[in-house]
Amino acid sequence: MSVRISLTTAETVGAMALSMGKTGALPQIEAKAVMKALQEAARKSGQDTAPKEKSVRLLTTKQAAERLGCSRRTVLRMLDDGTLTRRYLRPGKAKSLRISAEDIDAMAGKGGLADD
């Protein structure tokens, strides 16, 4: 039976095993052996590198307003009505609110805001 495992999964499970080894729930030598076996299985699966996440450029509401040529308040209204998607750098912190530059550029490419 062949099992494919990614390096990311191997590192996660291995870290859990090492943690269990430090707490005494699993002998440390066995925890290290689990970590090594998982990493080796990941390498044999051809998954040596974790998938790279696409980097997303984020803008503040002020930056978004400048790109769209509108007020910051208008950007906040668009967030409220769902036209734009909110993203937070630190969930629960209002000052960490950001908007994807890709969303803003797409909106600007469509002609920006409709005239009122």
Protein backbone atom coordinates (compact mmCIF):
# COMPACT_ATOMS: atom_id res chain seq x y z
CA MET A 1 0.00 0.00 0.00
CA SER A 2 1.44 3.33 -1.08
CA VAL A 3 0.68 6.47 0.91
CA ARG A 4 1.31 9.95 -0.45
CA ILE A 5 2.06 12.61 2.12
CA SER A 6 3.02 16.24 1.65
CA LEU A 7 5.96 17.79 3.44
CA THR A 8 3.61 20.27 5.11
CA THR A 9 1.54 17.43 6.57
CA ALA A 10 4.69 15.58 7.62
CA GLU A 11 6.01 18.67 9.40
CA THR A 12 2.68 19.28 11.16
CA VAL A 13 2.23 15.70 12.36
CA GLY A 14 5.92 15.49 13.22
CA ALA A 15 5.73 18.65 15.30
CA MET A 16 2.78 17.16 17.18
CA ALA A 17 4.79 14.00 17.81
CA LEU A 18 7.75 16.02 19.08
CA SER A 19 5.42 17.98 21.34
CA MET A 20 4.05 14.72 22.71
CA GLY A 21 7.63 13.61 23.29
CA LYS A 22 8.36 16.73 25.34
CA THR A 23 5.25 16.26 27.48
CA GLY A 24 6.01 12.59 28.10
CA ALA A 25 2.93 11.31 26.26
CA LEU A 26 5.27 9.66 23.76
CA PRO A 27 8.91 8.73 24.38
CA GLN A 28 11.14 11.36 22.75
CA ILE A 29 13.12 8.84 20.76
CA GLU A 30 9.89 7.52 19.22
CA ALA A 31 8.67 11.06 18.54
CA LYS A 32 11.88 11.84 16.64
CA ALA A 33 11.57 8.57 14.70
CA VAL A 34 8.00 9.49 13.70
CA MET A 35 9.18 12.91 12.52
CA LYS A 36 12.00 11.41 10.46
CA ALA A 37 9.74 8.74 8.92
CA LEU A 38 7.13 11.30 7.94
CA GLN A 39 9.69 13.57 6.31
CA GLU A 40 11.16 10.65 4.38
CA ALA A 41 7.70 9.58 3.21
CA ALA A 42 7.03 13.13 1.99
CA ARG A 43 10.30 13.21 0.04
CA LYS A 44 9.56 9.85 -1.58
CA SER A 45 6.12 11.15 -2.59
CA GLY A 46 7.83 13.88 -4.57
CA GLN A 47 6.33 16.59 -2.40
CA ASP A 48 9.57 18.13 -1.20
CA THR A 49 8.25 21.64 -1.10
CA ALA A 50 5.06 23.00 0.35
CA PRO A 51 2.76 24.66 -2.18
CA LYS A 52 3.43 28.36 -2.43
CA GLU A 53 0.54 30.63 -1.61
CA LYS A 54 -0.26 33.36 -4.05
CA SER A 55 0.72 36.62 -2.41
CA VAL A 56 -2.12 39.07 -2.20
CA ARG A 57 -1.40 42.78 -2.11
CA LEU A 58 -3.65 44.48 0.40
CA LEU A 59 -4.64 48.14 0.56
CA THR A 60 -6.00 50.34 3.32
CA THR A 61 -9.37 51.99 2.79
CA LYS A 62 -7.56 55.27 2.11
CA GLN A 63 -5.35 53.69 -0.57
CA ALA A 64 -8.37 51.99 -2.15
CA ALA A 65 -10.26 55.31 -2.23
CA GLU A 66 -7.32 57.04 -3.92
CA ARG A 67 -7.12 54.32 -6.61
CA LEU A 68 -10.85 54.50 -7.26
CA GLY A 69 -11.01 58.28 -7.12
CA CYS A 70 -13.67 58.35 -4.43
CA SER A 71 -13.90 59.08 -0.73
CA ARG A 72 -12.87 56.70 2.02
CA ARG A 73 -16.49 56.72 3.19
CA THR A 74 -17.61 55.43 -0.24
CA VAL A 75 -15.15 52.54 0.06
CA LEU A 76 -16.59 51.75 3.51
CA ARG A 77 -20.10 51.74 2.01
CA MET A 78 -18.94 49.33 -0.71
CA LEU A 79 -17.56 47.06 2.01
CA ASP A 80 -20.89 47.25 3.88
CA ASP A 81 -23.00 46.41 0.83
CA GLY A 82 -20.70 43.56 -0.26
CA THR A 83 -19.29 45.19 -3.40
CA LEU A 84 -15.82 44.79 -1.89
CA THR A 85 -14.55 42.04 0.40
CA ARG A 86 -13.09 42.81 3.82
CA ARG A 87 -9.83 41.24 4.92
CA TYR A 88 -8.26 41.67 8.32
CA LEU A 89 -4.59 41.44 9.19
CA ARG A 90 -5.60 40.84 12.82
CA PRO A 91 -9.21 39.64 13.15
CA GLY A 92 -11.14 41.72 15.64
CA LYS A 93 -8.98 44.82 15.14
CA ALA A 94 -10.77 47.45 13.07
CA LYS A 95 -7.55 49.22 12.12
CA SER A 96 -6.31 46.04 10.43
CA LEU A 97 -9.06 46.20 7.75
CA ARG A 98 -7.64 45.78 4.24
CA ILE A 99 -8.95 45.32 0.72
CA SER A 100 -7.37 43.26 -2.04
CA ALA A 101 -5.57 45.44 -4.59
CA GLU A 102 -6.73 42.95 -7.23
CA ASP A 103 -10.39 43.69 -6.35
CA ILE A 104 -9.76 47.44 -6.55
CA ASP A 105 -7.91 47.17 -9.86
CA ALA A 106 -10.72 45.02 -11.29
CA MET A 107 -13.27 47.60 -10.21
CA ALA A 108 -11.16 50.45 -11.63
CA GLY A 109 -10.77 48.46 -14.88
CA LYS A 110 -14.54 48.24 -15.22
CA GLY A 111 -14.73 52.00 -15.30
CA GLY A 112 -14.55 52.56 -11.57
CA LEU A 113 -17.62 53.81 -9.82
CA ALA A 114 -20.93 54.43 -11.50
CA ASP A 115 -22.00 58.05 -11.64
CA ASP A 116 -24.71 58.86 -9.10
